[in-house]
């Protein structure tokens, strides 16, 4: 693998995970569509996307900042192993109990409430945890493991958050508008359940870290 491709693939992974998160109805587009239909306004769909993306980004940021903090005091190998174990455990918990922990929110939710709901949903689903493998790869490639600390990893984490959030927002916007225009009945014919894929993605990220 060339140096360019080895540096590029973590960024592509971050963007791909952003698109994957945007496709998942549990991350907010289904609620944005339902809210738009309830108020009979396409503009409401657009308006709902901002707090949904903000809440999602905040939940992911919590995890990425935790990685930065722990990365400044722990050996990179130890951090990767611990993160891998957490990812696998979270994948199992999501597969077994994820459907029981849905956060409920009504059609009268304001923008702040919608952002809080998005934050809680992304956190409960382990959205930020999926980004740990590519983030650790980027941090490790920024210099020797002994030199990887807050000074080098914080800018990388912020850039990773930006790339992921931009991809997520673009995807959730496109999907929301398509479903809004075609109606929710469209989902019965053309959508798949992403819960198993979500659990698989968490587990795959954990196994990647444990195999390093």
N, C-alpha and C. Protein backbone atom coordinates (compact mmCIF):
# COMPACT_ATOMS: atom_id res chain seq x y z
N UNK A 1 0.84 -1.19 0.00
CA UNK A 1 0.00 0.00 0.00
C UNK A 1 0.88 1.24 0.00
N UNK A 2 0.62 2.21 -0.88
CA UNK A 2 1.42 3.41 -0.97
C UNK A 2 1.17 4.30 0.24
N UNK A 3 2.10 5.25 0.46
CA UNK A 3 1.95 6.16 1.60
C UNK A 3 0.69 6.99 1.45
N UNK A 4 0.39 7.41 0.20
CA UNK A 4 -0.80 8.23 -0.01
C UNK A 4 -2.07 7.46 0.30
N UNK A 5 -2.15 6.21 -0.17
CA UNK A 5 -3.36 5.43 0.06
C UNK A 5 -3.52 5.08 1.53
N UNK A 6 -2.41 4.81 2.22
CA UNK A 6 -2.49 4.48 3.64
C UNK A 6 -2.94 5.68 4.46
N UNK A 7 -2.64 6.89 3.99
CA UNK A 7 -3.08 8.10 4.67
C UNK A 7 -4.51 8.45 4.29
N UNK A 8 -4.91 8.12 3.07
CA UNK A 8 -6.23 8.51 2.58
C UNK A 8 -7.34 7.62 3.11
N UNK A 9 -7.08 6.32 3.27
CA UNK A 9 -8.18 5.43 3.59
C UNK A 9 -8.86 5.74 4.92
N UNK A 10 -8.14 6.19 5.97
CA UNK A 10 -8.89 6.54 7.20
C UNK A 10 -9.87 7.69 6.98
N UNK A 11 -9.49 8.67 6.14
CA UNK A 11 -10.40 9.77 5.85
C UNK A 11 -11.60 9.29 5.06
N UNK A 12 -11.36 8.39 4.11
CA UNK A 12 -12.47 7.81 3.36
C UNK A 12 -13.38 6.99 4.27
N UNK A 13 -12.79 6.30 5.23
CA UNK A 13 -13.57 5.54 6.20
C UNK A 13 -14.44 6.46 7.04
N UNK A 14 -13.87 7.58 7.48
CA UNK A 14 -14.64 8.54 8.26
C UNK A 14 -15.83 9.08 7.46
N UNK A 15 -15.58 9.40 6.19
CA UNK A 15 -16.66 9.88 5.32
C UNK A 15 -17.68 8.78 5.07
N UNK A 16 -17.20 7.55 4.85
CA UNK A 16 -18.11 6.43 4.62
C UNK A 16 -18.97 6.15 5.83
N UNK A 17 -18.38 6.24 7.02
CA UNK A 17 -19.16 6.05 8.24
C UNK A 17 -20.18 7.18 8.42
N UNK A 18 -19.80 8.38 7.99
CA UNK A 18 -20.76 9.48 8.03
C UNK A 18 -21.96 9.20 7.15
N UNK A 19 -21.71 8.69 5.94
CA UNK A 19 -22.80 8.33 5.04
C UNK A 19 -23.64 7.19 5.62
N UNK A 20 -22.98 6.22 6.22
CA UNK A 20 -23.67 5.09 6.83
C UNK A 20 -24.56 5.56 7.98
N UNK A 21 -24.03 6.44 8.81
CA UNK A 21 -24.84 6.98 9.91
C UNK A 21 -26.01 7.79 9.37
N UNK A 22 -25.77 8.53 8.30
CA UNK A 22 -26.86 9.31 7.70
C UNK A 22 -27.97 8.44 7.14
N UNK A 23 -27.62 7.25 6.66
CA UNK A 23 -28.63 6.33 6.11
C UNK A 23 -29.49 5.70 7.19
N UNK A 24 -28.98 5.60 8.40
CA UNK A 24 -29.69 4.92 9.48
C UNK A 24 -30.86 5.79 9.96
N UNK A 25 -32.08 5.31 9.86
CA UNK A 25 -33.24 6.10 10.31
C UNK A 25 -33.14 6.49 11.78
N UNK A 26 -32.48 5.64 12.58
CA UNK A 26 -32.37 5.92 14.01
C UNK A 26 -31.53 7.14 14.31
N UNK A 27 -30.73 7.59 13.34
CA UNK A 27 -29.90 8.77 13.54
C UNK A 27 -30.64 10.06 13.21
N UNK A 28 -31.89 9.98 12.75
CA UNK A 28 -32.69 11.18 12.70
C UNK A 28 -33.48 11.51 11.45
N UNK A 29 -33.12 10.95 10.29
CA UNK A 29 -33.84 11.39 9.09
C UNK A 29 -35.31 10.98 9.11
N UNK A 30 -35.61 9.84 9.71
CA UNK A 30 -37.00 9.40 9.77
C UNK A 30 -37.82 10.37 10.61
N UNK A 31 -37.24 10.86 11.70
CA UNK A 31 -37.96 11.82 12.52
C UNK A 31 -38.13 13.15 11.78
N UNK A 32 -37.09 13.58 11.05
CA UNK A 32 -37.19 14.82 10.28
C UNK A 32 -38.31 14.73 9.24
N UNK A 33 -38.41 13.58 8.58
CA UNK A 33 -39.47 13.39 7.59
C UNK A 33 -40.84 13.39 8.26
N UNK A 34 -40.96 12.65 9.36
CA UNK A 34 -42.23 12.59 10.07
C UNK A 34 -42.65 13.97 10.57
N UNK A 35 -41.69 14.74 11.04
CA UNK A 35 -41.98 16.09 11.52
C UNK A 35 -42.44 16.98 10.37
N UNK A 36 -41.78 16.85 9.20
CA UNK A 36 -42.19 17.61 8.03
C UNK A 36 -43.58 17.25 7.55
N UNK A 37 -43.89 15.96 7.55
CA UNK A 37 -45.22 15.52 7.13
C UNK A 37 -46.29 15.96 8.13
N UNK A 38 -45.93 15.90 9.41
CA UNK A 38 -46.88 16.30 10.45
C UNK A 38 -47.25 17.78 10.30
N UNK A 39 -46.26 18.60 9.96
CA UNK A 39 -46.50 20.05 9.84
C UNK A 39 -46.71 20.46 8.38
N UNK A 40 -46.70 19.45 7.49
CA UNK A 40 -46.95 19.68 6.06
C UNK A 40 -46.04 20.78 5.50
N UNK A 41 -44.77 20.60 5.76
CA UNK A 41 -43.81 21.60 5.31
C UNK A 41 -42.48 20.95 4.96
N UNK A 42 -42.04 21.16 3.71
CA UNK A 42 -40.73 20.68 3.29
C UNK A 42 -39.63 21.45 4.02
N UNK A 43 -39.91 22.72 4.31
CA UNK A 43 -38.94 23.53 5.01
C UNK A 43 -38.64 23.02 6.41
N UNK A 44 -39.63 22.42 7.06
CA UNK A 44 -39.44 21.86 8.40
C UNK A 44 -38.44 20.72 8.35
N UNK A 45 -38.47 19.95 7.25
CA UNK A 45 -37.50 18.87 7.09
C UNK A 45 -36.08 19.43 7.08
N UNK A 46 -35.87 20.48 6.29
CA UNK A 46 -34.57 21.14 6.24
C UNK A 46 -34.17 21.67 7.62
N UNK A 47 -35.13 22.32 8.28
CA UNK A 47 -34.85 22.94 9.57
C UNK A 47 -34.46 21.90 10.62
N UNK A 48 -35.07 20.74 10.56
CA UNK A 48 -34.80 19.70 11.55
C UNK A 48 -33.41 19.08 11.37
N UNK A 49 -32.85 19.18 10.17
CA UNK A 49 -31.56 18.54 9.92
C UNK A 49 -30.43 19.17 10.72
N UNK A 50 -30.50 20.49 10.94
CA UNK A 50 -29.41 21.18 11.64
C UNK A 50 -29.25 20.69 13.09
N UNK A 51 -30.30 20.69 13.92
CA UNK A 51 -30.12 20.18 15.28
C UNK A 51 -29.81 18.69 15.33
N UNK A 52 -30.34 17.93 14.37
CA UNK A 52 -30.03 16.49 14.34
C UNK A 52 -28.54 16.29 14.09
N UNK A 53 -27.98 17.01 13.11
CA UNK A 53 -26.55 16.89 12.81
C UNK A 53 -25.71 17.41 13.97
N UNK A 54 -26.16 18.50 14.60
CA UNK A 54 -25.41 19.07 15.72
C UNK A 54 -25.37 18.12 16.91
N UNK A 55 -26.51 17.52 17.24
CA UNK A 55 -26.55 16.56 18.34
C UNK A 55 -25.70 15.34 18.06
N UNK A 56 -25.76 14.86 16.82
CA UNK A 56 -24.94 13.72 16.42
C UNK A 56 -23.46 14.06 16.54
N UNK A 57 -23.08 15.24 16.04
CA UNK A 57 -21.68 15.66 16.09
C UNK A 57 -21.19 15.80 17.53
N UNK A 58 -22.05 16.30 18.41
CA UNK A 58 -21.67 16.46 19.81
C UNK A 58 -21.42 15.11 20.47
N UNK A 59 -22.28 14.12 20.18
CA UNK A 59 -22.09 12.79 20.75
C UNK A 59 -20.80 12.15 20.25
N UNK A 60 -20.52 12.32 18.96
CA UNK A 60 -19.29 11.79 18.39
C UNK A 60 -18.08 12.51 18.98
N UNK A 61 -18.20 13.83 19.16
CA UNK A 61 -17.09 14.62 19.70
C UNK A 61 -16.71 14.17 21.10
N UNK A 62 -17.68 13.78 21.91
CA UNK A 62 -17.39 13.30 23.26
C UNK A 62 -16.45 12.10 23.21
N UNK A 63 -16.73 11.18 22.31
CA UNK A 63 -15.90 9.98 22.18
C UNK A 63 -14.51 10.34 21.64
N UNK A 64 -14.48 11.18 20.61
CA UNK A 64 -13.19 11.54 20.01
C UNK A 64 -12.31 12.30 20.99
N UNK A 65 -12.90 13.19 21.80
CA UNK A 65 -12.13 13.91 22.80
C UNK A 65 -11.63 12.98 23.89
N UNK A 66 -12.43 11.97 24.22
CA UNK A 66 -11.98 10.98 25.21
C UNK A 66 -10.77 10.22 24.68
N UNK A 67 -10.79 9.90 23.38
CA UNK A 67 -9.64 9.22 22.77
C UNK A 67 -8.40 10.11 22.84
N UNK A 68 -8.58 11.41 22.59
CA UNK A 68 -7.46 12.34 22.64
C UNK A 68 -6.88 12.39 24.06
N UNK A 69 -7.75 12.48 25.05
CA UNK A 69 -7.30 12.56 26.44
C UNK A 69 -6.57 11.29 26.86
N UNK A 70 -7.18 10.14 26.60
CA UNK A 70 -6.55 8.88 26.98
C UNK A 70 -5.29 8.62 26.15
N UNK A 71 -5.30 9.09 24.90
CA UNK A 71 -4.13 8.90 24.06
C UNK A 71 -2.93 9.66 24.54
N UNK A 72 -3.16 10.73 25.32
CA UNK A 72 -2.05 11.53 25.84
C UNK A 72 -1.37 10.87 27.03
N UNK A 73 -2.06 9.91 27.66
CA UNK A 73 -1.48 9.30 28.88
C UNK A 73 -1.29 7.79 28.77
N UNK A 74 -1.89 7.18 27.76
CA UNK A 74 -1.79 5.73 27.61
C UNK A 74 -0.96 5.37 26.39
N UNK A 75 -0.37 4.20 26.44
CA UNK A 75 0.32 3.65 25.27
C UNK A 75 -0.70 3.42 24.17
N UNK A 76 -0.33 3.72 22.92
CA UNK A 76 -1.26 3.62 21.80
C UNK A 76 -1.78 2.19 21.62
N UNK A 77 -0.92 1.21 21.83
CA UNK A 77 -1.35 -0.19 21.69
C UNK A 77 -2.39 -0.55 22.75
N UNK A 78 -2.14 -0.12 23.97
CA UNK A 78 -3.09 -0.38 25.06
C UNK A 78 -4.42 0.30 24.79
N UNK A 79 -4.37 1.53 24.31
CA UNK A 79 -5.60 2.26 24.00
C UNK A 79 -6.38 1.57 22.89
N UNK A 80 -5.67 1.08 21.87
CA UNK A 80 -6.33 0.38 20.77
C UNK A 80 -7.00 -0.90 21.26
N UNK A 81 -6.30 -1.66 22.11
CA UNK A 81 -6.87 -2.90 22.63
C UNK A 81 -8.11 -2.62 23.48
N UNK A 82 -8.01 -1.63 24.35
CA UNK A 82 -9.14 -1.30 25.21
C UNK A 82 -10.33 -0.82 24.38
N UNK A 83 -10.05 0.00 23.36
CA UNK A 83 -11.12 0.48 22.49
C UNK A 83 -11.77 -0.66 21.73
N UNK A 84 -10.95 -1.62 21.29
CA UNK A 84 -11.47 -2.78 20.58
C UNK A 84 -12.42 -3.60 21.43
N UNK A 85 -12.06 -3.78 22.69
CA UNK A 85 -12.91 -4.54 23.61
C UNK A 85 -14.24 -3.81 23.82
N UNK A 86 -14.16 -2.49 24.02
CA UNK A 86 -15.39 -1.69 24.21
C UNK A 86 -16.29 -1.79 22.99
N UNK A 87 -15.70 -1.72 21.80
CA UNK A 87 -16.49 -1.80 20.57
C UNK A 87 -17.21 -3.14 20.44
N UNK A 88 -16.51 -4.22 20.73
CA UNK A 88 -17.12 -5.55 20.62
C UNK A 88 -18.25 -5.70 21.64
N UNK A 89 -18.01 -5.24 22.87
CA UNK A 89 -19.05 -5.32 23.90
C UNK A 89 -20.26 -4.49 23.50
N UNK A 90 -20.01 -3.29 22.97
CA UNK A 90 -21.11 -2.42 22.55
C UNK A 90 -21.89 -3.04 21.41
N UNK A 91 -21.17 -3.71 20.50
CA UNK A 91 -21.84 -4.38 19.38
C UNK A 91 -22.77 -5.47 19.89
N UNK A 92 -22.31 -6.25 20.86
CA UNK A 92 -23.14 -7.31 21.42
C UNK A 92 -24.36 -6.72 22.14
N UNK A 93 -24.13 -5.65 22.90
CA UNK A 93 -25.23 -5.01 23.62
C UNK A 93 -26.26 -4.43 22.65
N UNK A 94 -25.77 -3.84 21.57
CA UNK A 94 -26.69 -3.27 20.58
C UNK A 94 -27.48 -4.37 19.88
N UNK A 95 -26.82 -5.46 19.56
CA UNK A 95 -27.51 -6.55 18.89
C UNK A 95 -28.57 -7.18 19.78
N UNK A 96 -28.31 -7.24 21.09
CA UNK A 96 -29.23 -7.91 22.00
C UNK A 96 -30.31 -6.98 22.56
N UNK A 97 -29.93 -5.75 22.84
CA UNK A 97 -30.84 -4.87 23.57
C UNK A 97 -31.10 -3.53 22.89
N UNK A 98 -30.46 -3.27 21.74
CA UNK A 98 -30.56 -1.95 21.13
C UNK A 98 -31.97 -1.50 20.84
N UNK A 99 -32.82 -2.44 20.40
CA UNK A 99 -34.19 -2.08 20.04
C UNK A 99 -35.03 -1.71 21.26
N UNK A 100 -34.55 -2.02 22.47
CA UNK A 100 -35.32 -1.73 23.68
C UNK A 100 -35.01 -0.34 24.23
N UNK A 101 -33.94 0.27 23.72
CA UNK A 101 -33.52 1.55 24.29
C UNK A 101 -33.78 2.75 23.41
N UNK A 102 -34.83 2.72 22.62
CA UNK A 102 -35.14 3.85 21.74
C UNK A 102 -35.53 5.08 22.56
N UNK A 103 -34.93 6.20 22.23
CA UNK A 103 -35.27 7.45 22.89
C UNK A 103 -36.49 8.05 22.21
N UNK A 104 -37.53 8.33 22.97
CA UNK A 104 -38.78 8.83 22.40
C UNK A 104 -38.80 10.35 22.41
N UNK A 105 -39.38 10.92 21.37
CA UNK A 105 -39.55 12.37 21.30
C UNK A 105 -40.82 12.66 20.50
N UNK A 106 -41.58 13.66 20.93
CA UNK A 106 -42.86 13.95 20.30
C UNK A 106 -42.72 14.88 19.10
N UNK A 107 -43.85 15.03 18.40
CA UNK A 107 -43.87 15.87 17.20
C UNK A 107 -43.78 17.36 17.54
N UNK A 108 -43.92 17.71 18.82
CA UNK A 108 -43.85 19.11 19.22
C UNK A 108 -42.46 19.49 19.73
N UNK A 109 -41.49 18.63 19.53
CA UNK A 109 -40.13 18.91 20.01
C UNK A 109 -39.57 20.14 19.33
N UNK A 110 -38.92 21.00 20.13
CA UNK A 110 -38.25 22.17 19.58
C UNK A 110 -36.87 21.81 19.07
N UNK A 111 -36.14 22.81 18.60
CA UNK A 111 -34.81 22.56 18.04
C UNK A 111 -33.84 22.06 19.10
N UNK A 112 -33.93 22.62 20.30
CA UNK A 112 -33.04 22.18 21.38
C UNK A 112 -33.36 20.74 21.77
N UNK A 113 -34.64 20.44 21.88
CA UNK A 113 -35.04 19.08 22.21
C UNK A 113 -34.63 18.09 21.15
N UNK A 114 -34.71 18.50 19.90
CA UNK A 114 -34.32 17.63 18.80
C UNK A 114 -32.81 17.36 18.82
N UNK A 115 -32.02 18.40 19.12
CA UNK A 115 -30.58 18.22 19.22
C UNK A 115 -30.23 17.29 20.38
N UNK A 116 -30.92 17.45 21.51
CA UNK A 116 -30.67 16.58 22.66
C UNK A 116 -31.05 15.14 22.34
N UNK A 117 -32.18 14.96 21.65
CA UNK A 117 -32.59 13.61 21.24
C UNK A 117 -31.55 12.97 20.33
N UNK A 118 -31.04 13.74 19.37
CA UNK A 118 -30.03 13.23 18.45
C UNK A 118 -28.76 12.86 19.20
N UNK A 119 -28.36 13.69 20.16
CA UNK A 119 -27.18 13.41 20.98
C UNK A 119 -27.34 12.09 21.72
N UNK A 120 -28.49 11.90 22.34
CA UNK A 120 -28.73 10.68 23.11
C UNK A 120 -28.80 9.44 22.22
N UNK A 121 -29.42 9.57 21.06
CA UNK A 121 -29.52 8.44 20.14
C UNK A 121 -28.15 8.03 19.62
N UNK A 122 -27.36 9.02 19.20
CA UNK A 122 -26.03 8.71 18.68
C UNK A 122 -25.15 8.09 19.76
N UNK A 123 -25.27 8.61 20.99
CA UNK A 123 -24.49 8.06 22.09
C UNK A 123 -24.89 6.64 22.43
N UNK A 124 -26.20 6.40 22.50
CA UNK A 124 -26.69 5.07 22.83
C UNK A 124 -26.33 4.04 21.78
N UNK A 125 -26.26 4.46 20.52
CA UNK A 125 -25.93 3.54 19.43
C UNK A 125 -24.42 3.37 19.24
N UNK A 126 -23.62 4.12 19.98
CA UNK A 126 -22.17 3.99 19.83
C UNK A 126 -21.64 4.56 18.53
N UNK A 127 -22.30 5.63 18.03
CA UNK A 127 -21.88 6.21 16.76
C UNK A 127 -20.44 6.69 16.81
N UNK A 128 -20.07 7.36 17.91
CA UNK A 128 -18.70 7.85 18.02
C UNK A 128 -17.67 6.74 18.11
N UNK A 129 -18.05 5.62 18.71
CA UNK A 129 -17.10 4.50 18.85
C UNK A 129 -16.65 3.97 17.50
N UNK A 130 -17.53 4.02 16.50
CA UNK A 130 -17.16 3.52 15.17
C UNK A 130 -16.00 4.31 14.57
N UNK A 131 -15.83 5.55 15.02
CA UNK A 131 -14.79 6.39 14.43
C UNK A 131 -13.43 6.20 15.09
N UNK A 132 -13.39 5.43 16.18
CA UNK A 132 -12.13 5.27 16.91
C UNK A 132 -11.04 4.58 16.07
N UNK A 133 -11.35 3.48 15.34
CA UNK A 133 -10.28 2.84 14.55
C UNK A 133 -9.61 3.77 13.54
N UNK A 134 -10.37 4.49 12.67
CA UNK A 134 -9.67 5.39 11.74
C UNK A 134 -8.98 6.54 12.45
N UNK A 135 -9.54 7.02 13.57
CA UNK A 135 -8.90 8.12 14.30
C UNK A 135 -7.56 7.67 14.87
N UNK A 136 -7.52 6.49 15.48
CA UNK A 136 -6.26 5.99 16.03
C UNK A 136 -5.22 5.77 14.93
N UNK A 137 -5.69 5.32 13.78
CA UNK A 137 -4.77 5.14 12.65
C UNK A 137 -4.17 6.47 12.23
N UNK A 138 -4.99 7.50 12.16
CA UNK A 138 -4.51 8.82 11.77
C UNK A 138 -3.55 9.39 12.82
N UNK A 139 -3.89 9.20 14.10
CA UNK A 139 -3.02 9.70 15.16
C UNK A 139 -1.68 8.98 15.17
N UNK A 140 -1.71 7.66 14.96
CA UNK A 140 -0.48 6.89 14.96
C UNK A 140 0.42 7.25 13.78
N UNK A 141 -0.21 7.58 12.65
CA UNK A 141 0.57 7.93 11.45
C UNK A 141 1.11 9.35 11.50
N UNK A 142 0.69 10.14 12.51
CA UNK A 142 1.16 11.52 12.60
C UNK A 142 2.54 11.63 13.21
N UNK A 143 3.04 10.52 13.78
CA UNK A 143 4.37 10.53 14.37
C UNK A 143 4.58 9.30 15.21
N UNK A 144 5.74 9.14 15.82
CA UNK A 144 6.00 7.99 16.68
C UNK A 144 4.98 7.94 17.81
N UNK A 145 4.67 6.73 18.24
CA UNK A 145 3.64 6.55 19.27
C UNK A 145 3.92 7.37 20.52
N UNK A 146 5.20 7.49 20.88
CA UNK A 146 5.57 8.23 22.08
C UNK A 146 5.28 9.72 21.94
N UNK A 147 5.15 10.20 20.69
CA UNK A 147 4.94 11.63 20.48
C UNK A 147 3.47 11.97 20.21
N UNK A 148 2.64 10.96 20.17
CA UNK A 148 1.23 11.21 19.89
C UNK A 148 0.54 11.66 21.16
N UNK A 149 0.14 12.90 21.20
CA UNK A 149 -0.54 13.45 22.36
C UNK A 149 -1.57 14.45 21.91
N UNK A 150 -2.02 15.28 22.86
CA UNK A 150 -3.08 16.23 22.56
C UNK A 150 -2.67 17.22 21.48
N UNK A 151 -1.41 17.62 21.46
CA UNK A 151 -0.96 18.64 20.49
C UNK A 151 -1.11 18.17 19.06
N UNK A 152 -0.91 16.87 18.82
CA UNK A 152 -1.01 16.35 17.45
C UNK A 152 -2.36 15.72 17.17
N UNK A 153 -2.95 15.06 18.17
CA UNK A 153 -4.19 14.32 17.92
C UNK A 153 -5.44 15.19 17.97
N UNK A 154 -5.41 16.29 18.72
CA UNK A 154 -6.60 17.15 18.80
C UNK A 154 -6.98 17.74 17.44
N UNK A 155 -6.05 18.33 16.69
CA UNK A 155 -6.42 18.83 15.35
C UNK A 155 -6.93 17.72 14.44
N UNK A 156 -6.33 16.54 14.54
CA UNK A 156 -6.78 15.41 13.72
C UNK A 156 -8.19 15.01 14.11
N UNK A 157 -8.47 14.97 15.41
CA UNK A 157 -9.81 14.60 15.88
C UNK A 157 -10.85 15.60 15.40
N UNK A 158 -10.52 16.89 15.45
CA UNK A 158 -11.46 17.91 14.98
C UNK A 158 -11.70 17.80 13.48
N UNK A 159 -10.64 17.53 12.72
CA UNK A 159 -10.79 17.34 11.28
C UNK A 159 -11.63 16.10 10.99
N UNK A 160 -11.39 15.03 11.75
CA UNK A 160 -12.17 13.80 11.58
C UNK A 160 -13.64 14.05 11.86
N UNK A 161 -13.92 14.82 12.91
CA UNK A 161 -15.30 15.16 13.24
C UNK A 161 -15.94 15.95 12.11
N UNK A 162 -15.20 16.89 11.52
CA UNK A 162 -15.74 17.69 10.43
C UNK A 162 -16.05 16.86 9.20
N UNK A 163 -15.14 15.98 8.82
CA UNK A 163 -15.36 15.13 7.65
C UNK A 163 -16.55 14.21 7.87
N UNK A 164 -16.60 13.59 9.04
CA UNK A 164 -17.70 12.67 9.34
C UNK A 164 -19.05 13.39 9.35
N UNK A 165 -19.10 14.54 10.02
CA UNK A 165 -20.36 15.27 10.14
C UNK A 165 -20.85 15.78 8.79
N UNK A 166 -19.93 16.27 7.96
CA UNK A 166 -20.30 16.76 6.64
C UNK A 166 -20.92 15.64 5.80
N UNK A 167 -20.29 14.45 5.82
CA UNK A 167 -20.82 13.32 5.06
C UNK A 167 -22.16 12.87 5.61
N UNK A 168 -22.29 12.88 6.93
CA UNK A 168 -23.55 12.48 7.56
C UNK A 168 -24.67 13.44 7.21
N UNK A 169 -24.38 14.76 7.29
CA UNK A 169 -25.39 15.76 7.00
C UNK A 169 -25.83 15.71 5.54
N UNK A 170 -24.88 15.53 4.62
CA UNK A 170 -25.22 15.44 3.20
C UNK A 170 -26.12 14.24 2.94
N UNK A 171 -25.78 13.12 3.54
CA UNK A 171 -26.57 11.90 3.32
C UNK A 171 -27.95 12.01 3.92
N UNK A 172 -28.01 12.48 5.15
CA UNK A 172 -29.31 12.57 5.83
C UNK A 172 -30.23 13.57 5.13
N UNK A 173 -29.63 14.62 4.53
CA UNK A 173 -30.42 15.59 3.79
C UNK A 173 -31.02 15.00 2.54
N UNK A 174 -30.21 14.28 1.78
CA UNK A 174 -30.70 13.66 0.54
C UNK A 174 -31.77 12.62 0.83
N UNK A 175 -31.51 11.75 1.81
CA UNK A 175 -32.46 10.69 2.14
C UNK A 175 -33.77 11.29 2.65
N UNK A 176 -33.69 12.30 3.50
CA UNK A 176 -34.89 12.92 4.06
C UNK A 176 -35.79 13.48 2.97
N UNK A 177 -35.19 14.17 2.01
CA UNK A 177 -35.98 14.78 0.95
C UNK A 177 -36.59 13.74 0.02
N UNK A 178 -35.83 12.69 -0.28
CA UNK A 178 -36.36 11.63 -1.14
C UNK A 178 -37.56 10.95 -0.49
N UNK A 179 -37.42 10.61 0.79
CA UNK A 179 -38.52 9.93 1.48
C UNK A 179 -39.69 10.88 1.68
N UNK A 180 -39.43 12.14 1.98
CA UNK A 180 -40.51 13.12 2.15
C UNK A 180 -41.32 13.26 0.86
N UNK A 181 -40.63 13.34 -0.27
CA UNK A 181 -41.32 13.52 -1.55
C UNK A 181 -42.10 12.28 -1.96
N UNK A 182 -41.56 11.10 -1.62
CA UNK A 182 -42.21 9.86 -2.05
C UNK A 182 -43.20 9.32 -1.02
N UNK A 183 -43.11 9.78 0.21
CA UNK A 183 -44.01 9.32 1.25
C UNK A 183 -43.43 8.16 2.03
N UNK A 184 -43.90 7.98 3.26
CA UNK A 184 -43.37 6.92 4.12
C UNK A 184 -43.69 5.53 3.60
N UNK A 185 -44.73 5.40 2.76
CA UNK A 185 -45.06 4.08 2.20
C UNK A 185 -43.92 3.56 1.34
N UNK A 186 -43.09 4.46 0.84
CA UNK A 186 -41.92 4.09 0.04
C UNK A 186 -40.98 3.19 0.82
N UNK A 187 -40.93 3.37 2.16
CA UNK A 187 -40.01 2.60 2.99
C UNK A 187 -40.38 1.13 3.04
N UNK A 188 -41.67 0.82 2.94
CA UNK A 188 -42.09 -0.58 3.02
C UNK A 188 -41.58 -1.39 1.84
N UNK A 189 -41.34 -0.72 0.71
CA UNK A 189 -40.89 -1.42 -0.50
C UNK A 189 -39.40 -1.34 -0.73
N UNK A 190 -38.76 -0.27 -0.22
CA UNK A 190 -37.41 0.02 -0.68
C UNK A 190 -36.39 0.20 0.43
N UNK A 191 -36.69 -0.21 1.66
CA UNK A 191 -35.72 0.01 2.73
C UNK A 191 -35.39 -1.30 3.43
N UNK A 192 -34.23 -1.33 4.05
CA UNK A 192 -33.80 -2.52 4.78
C UNK A 192 -33.54 -2.13 6.23
N UNK A 193 -33.59 -3.12 7.10
CA UNK A 193 -33.30 -2.90 8.51
C UNK A 193 -31.78 -2.84 8.70
N UNK A 194 -31.30 -1.72 9.22
CA UNK A 194 -29.85 -1.52 9.35
C UNK A 194 -29.31 -1.92 10.72
N UNK A 195 -30.15 -2.43 11.61
CA UNK A 195 -29.68 -2.76 12.95
C UNK A 195 -28.56 -3.80 12.94
N UNK A 196 -28.74 -4.85 12.13
CA UNK A 196 -27.72 -5.89 12.07
C UNK A 196 -26.41 -5.35 11.49
N UNK A 197 -26.53 -4.52 10.45
CA UNK A 197 -25.33 -3.92 9.86
C UNK A 197 -24.63 -3.00 10.86
N UNK A 198 -25.42 -2.29 11.64
CA UNK A 198 -24.85 -1.38 12.64
C UNK A 198 -24.04 -2.17 13.68
N UNK A 199 -24.64 -3.23 14.19
CA UNK A 199 -23.92 -4.08 15.16
C UNK A 199 -22.68 -4.68 14.53
N UNK A 200 -22.79 -5.09 13.26
CA UNK A 200 -21.65 -5.66 12.57
C UNK A 200 -20.52 -4.66 12.38
N UNK A 201 -20.88 -3.40 12.10
CA UNK A 201 -19.86 -2.36 11.93
C UNK A 201 -19.13 -2.09 13.23
N UNK A 202 -19.86 -2.07 14.35
CA UNK A 202 -19.22 -1.89 15.65
C UNK A 202 -18.27 -3.03 15.94
N UNK A 203 -18.74 -4.27 15.72
CA UNK A 203 -17.90 -5.43 15.98
C UNK A 203 -16.67 -5.47 15.07
N UNK A 204 -16.86 -5.11 13.80
CA UNK A 204 -15.74 -5.11 12.86
C UNK A 204 -14.67 -4.12 13.28
N UNK A 205 -15.09 -2.93 13.73
CA UNK A 205 -14.13 -1.94 14.20
C UNK A 205 -13.36 -2.45 15.41
N UNK A 206 -14.05 -3.11 16.32
CA UNK A 206 -13.38 -3.67 17.48
C UNK A 206 -12.38 -4.75 17.11
N UNK A 207 -12.76 -5.62 16.21
CA UNK A 207 -11.87 -6.71 15.81
C UNK A 207 -10.63 -6.17 15.08
N UNK A 208 -10.82 -5.09 14.30
CA UNK A 208 -9.68 -4.46 13.62
C UNK A 208 -8.67 -3.96 14.64
N UNK A 209 -9.16 -3.32 15.69
CA UNK A 209 -8.26 -2.79 16.72
C UNK A 209 -7.58 -3.92 17.50
N UNK A 210 -8.32 -4.97 17.80
CA UNK A 210 -7.74 -6.08 18.54
C UNK A 210 -6.72 -6.86 17.72
N UNK A 211 -6.86 -6.81 16.40
CA UNK A 211 -5.95 -7.55 15.52
C UNK A 211 -4.65 -6.79 15.24
N UNK A 212 -4.61 -5.53 15.57
CA UNK A 212 -3.42 -4.73 15.29
C UNK A 212 -2.26 -5.10 16.21
